[in-house]
Amino acid sequence: MGAVNVIHAALSRLKKLPTGAAIVLFSTVAVQTGMPFHASIASAKGAIEGLTRSLAAELAPRIRVNAVAPSLTDTPLAGSLLDSDEKRSASAGRHPLKRIGSPAEIAQTVSLLLSESGSWITGQVFHLDGGMSSLRTFK
């Protein structure tokens, strides 16, 4: 409900902006990819993806609504999952691009979605996950 509460609190101001507005929500690769021990987060973020699409329809054309769904990203929050060379290598190996995403890569997409350059994009969920949610690479 956190996303709903924040959007509700800001919505009247967003509607008054002269050039329209944009909202970007955060999901996770775990919504599209069944992963053990991710049931709670996948459920919660699945709701975020539904909220993204519903609000995009309700708020168009004045307010664009999109989401990003990253995989494991090299942040302090992921520190315990990436705190050894073995863990880092194993995590990178699960992604078709064979590496961990960076906060800057996520921020660049969010920046695009919030900018005028992203003005033709709404109702989308961008999977920033090194290909994990859509590709299977077999050796």
Protein backbone atom coordinates (compact mmCIF):
# COMPACT_ATOMS: atom_id res chain seq x y z
CA MET A 1 0.00 0.00 0.00
CA GLY A 2 3.00 2.31 0.24
CA ALA A 3 2.99 3.13 -3.47
CA VAL A 4 -0.77 3.73 -3.41
CA ASN A 5 -0.47 6.06 -0.43
CA VAL A 6 2.37 8.10 -1.96
CA ILE A 7 0.59 8.43 -5.31
CA HIS A 8 -2.64 9.39 -3.59
CA ALA A 9 -0.84 12.09 -1.58
CA ALA A 10 0.80 13.56 -4.70
CA LEU A 11 -1.94 13.07 -7.26
CA SER A 12 -3.71 16.43 -6.97
CA ARG A 13 -0.41 18.28 -7.44
CA LEU A 14 0.61 16.04 -10.35
CA LYS A 15 -2.70 16.74 -12.11
CA LYS A 16 -2.08 20.50 -11.85
CA LEU A 17 1.31 20.45 -13.58
CA PRO A 18 1.06 22.40 -16.85
CA THR A 19 2.93 19.83 -18.97
CA GLY A 20 1.69 16.61 -17.45
CA ALA A 21 3.66 14.31 -15.20
CA ALA A 22 5.19 10.87 -14.92
CA ILE A 23 5.28 8.23 -12.21
CA VAL A 24 7.78 5.37 -12.09
CA LEU A 25 7.20 2.44 -9.75
CA PHE A 26 9.58 -0.38 -8.84
CA SER A 27 8.91 -4.08 -9.28
CA THR A 28 11.30 -7.06 -9.48
CA VAL A 29 12.38 -9.77 -11.89
CA ALA A 30 10.85 -12.25 -9.42
CA VAL A 31 7.34 -11.41 -10.69
CA GLN A 32 8.10 -12.86 -14.14
CA THR A 33 10.54 -15.55 -13.04
CA GLY A 34 9.55 -18.07 -10.38
CA MET A 35 12.28 -18.07 -7.76
CA PRO A 36 12.45 -19.94 -4.49
CA PHE A 37 12.01 -17.82 -1.35
CA HIS A 38 10.53 -14.90 -3.31
CA ALA A 39 6.79 -15.52 -2.79
CA SER A 40 6.21 -12.43 -0.63
CA ILE A 41 8.12 -9.97 -2.78
CA ALA A 42 6.80 -11.44 -6.04
CA SER A 43 3.23 -11.09 -4.75
CA ALA A 44 3.71 -7.51 -3.59
CA LYS A 45 5.52 -6.41 -6.74
CA GLY A 46 3.01 -8.23 -8.95
CA ALA A 47 0.45 -5.87 -7.44
CA ILE A 48 2.72 -2.94 -8.36
CA GLU A 49 2.77 -4.10 -11.98
CA GLY A 50 -1.03 -4.28 -12.03
CA LEU A 51 -1.22 -0.86 -10.40
CA THR A 52 1.14 0.51 -13.06
CA ARG A 53 -1.06 -0.63 -15.93
CA SER A 54 -4.35 0.37 -14.28
CA LEU A 55 -3.18 3.84 -13.29
CA ALA A 56 -1.64 4.40 -16.72
CA ALA A 57 -5.09 3.82 -18.22
CA GLU A 58 -6.90 5.92 -15.61
CA LEU A 59 -4.52 8.88 -15.62
CA ALA A 60 -3.81 9.16 -19.34
CA PRO A 61 -3.20 11.45 -21.08
CA ARG A 62 -2.02 13.85 -18.35
CA ILE A 63 0.06 11.46 -16.25
CA ARG A 64 2.22 8.64 -17.56
CA VAL A 65 2.79 5.61 -15.30
CA ASN A 66 5.51 3.00 -15.83
CA ALA A 67 7.54 0.58 -13.75
CA VAL A 68 11.01 -0.92 -13.77
CA ALA A 69 11.62 -4.51 -12.70
CA PRO A 70 15.30 -5.00 -11.97
CA SER A 71 17.16 -8.13 -11.07
CA LEU A 72 19.84 -8.19 -8.40
CA THR A 73 21.63 -4.84 -8.49
CA ASP A 74 24.98 -4.00 -6.92
CA THR A 75 23.71 -1.89 -4.00
CA PRO A 76 24.30 -1.92 -0.24
CA LEU A 77 20.95 -3.70 0.16
CA ALA A 78 22.33 -6.61 -1.89
CA GLY A 79 25.59 -6.59 0.04
CA SER A 80 25.08 -9.89 1.85
CA LEU A 81 24.26 -11.59 -1.46
CA LEU A 82 27.39 -10.27 -3.15
CA ASP A 83 29.94 -10.22 -0.31
CA SER A 84 32.33 -12.81 -1.74
CA ASP A 85 33.81 -13.55 -5.14
CA GLU A 86 31.96 -16.87 -5.20
CA LYS A 87 28.56 -15.29 -4.49
CA ARG A 88 29.18 -12.49 -6.98
CA SER A 89 30.22 -14.95 -9.70
CA ALA A 90 27.24 -17.25 -9.06
CA SER A 91 24.80 -14.33 -9.15
CA ALA A 92 26.30 -12.95 -12.34
CA GLY A 93 26.20 -16.40 -13.92
CA ARG A 94 22.41 -16.65 -13.54
CA HIS A 95 21.97 -13.73 -15.94
CA PRO A 96 22.32 -14.14 -19.72
CA LEU A 97 24.56 -11.05 -19.76
CA LYS A 98 26.74 -12.70 -17.07
CA ARG A 99 27.00 -9.71 -14.78
CA ILE A 100 25.22 -7.84 -12.01
CA GLY A 101 23.33 -4.64 -12.82
CA SER A 102 24.44 -1.27 -11.50
CA PRO A 103 22.38 1.44 -9.82
CA ALA A 104 23.40 3.82 -12.62
CA GLU A 105 21.82 1.54 -15.22
CA ILE A 106 18.53 1.49 -13.33
CA ALA A 107 18.69 5.27 -12.79
CA GLN A 108 19.23 5.93 -16.52
CA THR A 109 16.03 4.12 -17.41
CA VAL A 110 14.08 5.84 -14.65
CA SER A 111 15.44 9.18 -15.85
CA LEU A 112 14.27 8.42 -19.39
CA LEU A 113 10.78 7.47 -18.17
CA LEU A 114 10.47 10.68 -16.15
CA SER A 115 11.78 12.91 -18.93
CA GLU A 116 10.25 14.44 -22.03
CA SER A 117 12.21 11.85 -24.03
CA GLY A 118 9.93 9.21 -22.52
CA SER A 119 6.73 11.11 -23.28
CA TRP A 120 5.39 8.37 -25.60
CA ILE A 121 5.78 5.61 -22.98
CA THR A 122 3.07 4.66 -20.50
CA GLY A 123 1.70 1.49 -18.96
CA GLN A 124 4.95 -0.42 -19.41
CA VAL A 125 7.07 -2.57 -17.12
CA PHE A 126 10.73 -2.49 -18.10
CA HIS A 127 12.67 -5.63 -17.17
CA LEU A 128 16.14 -4.38 -16.28
CA ASP A 129 17.46 -7.82 -15.49
CA GLY A 130 20.30 -8.76 -17.84
CA GLY A 131 17.88 -10.90 -19.82
CA MET A 132 16.90 -13.09 -16.86
CA SER A 133 13.13 -12.78 -17.27
CA SER A 134 13.00 -13.52 -20.98
CA LEU A 135 16.06 -15.49 -22.10
CA ARG A 136 17.37 -18.96 -21.42
CA THR A 137 20.95 -19.52 -22.48
CA PHE A 138 21.87 -23.18 -22.73
CA LYS A 139 25.40 -24.44 -23.17
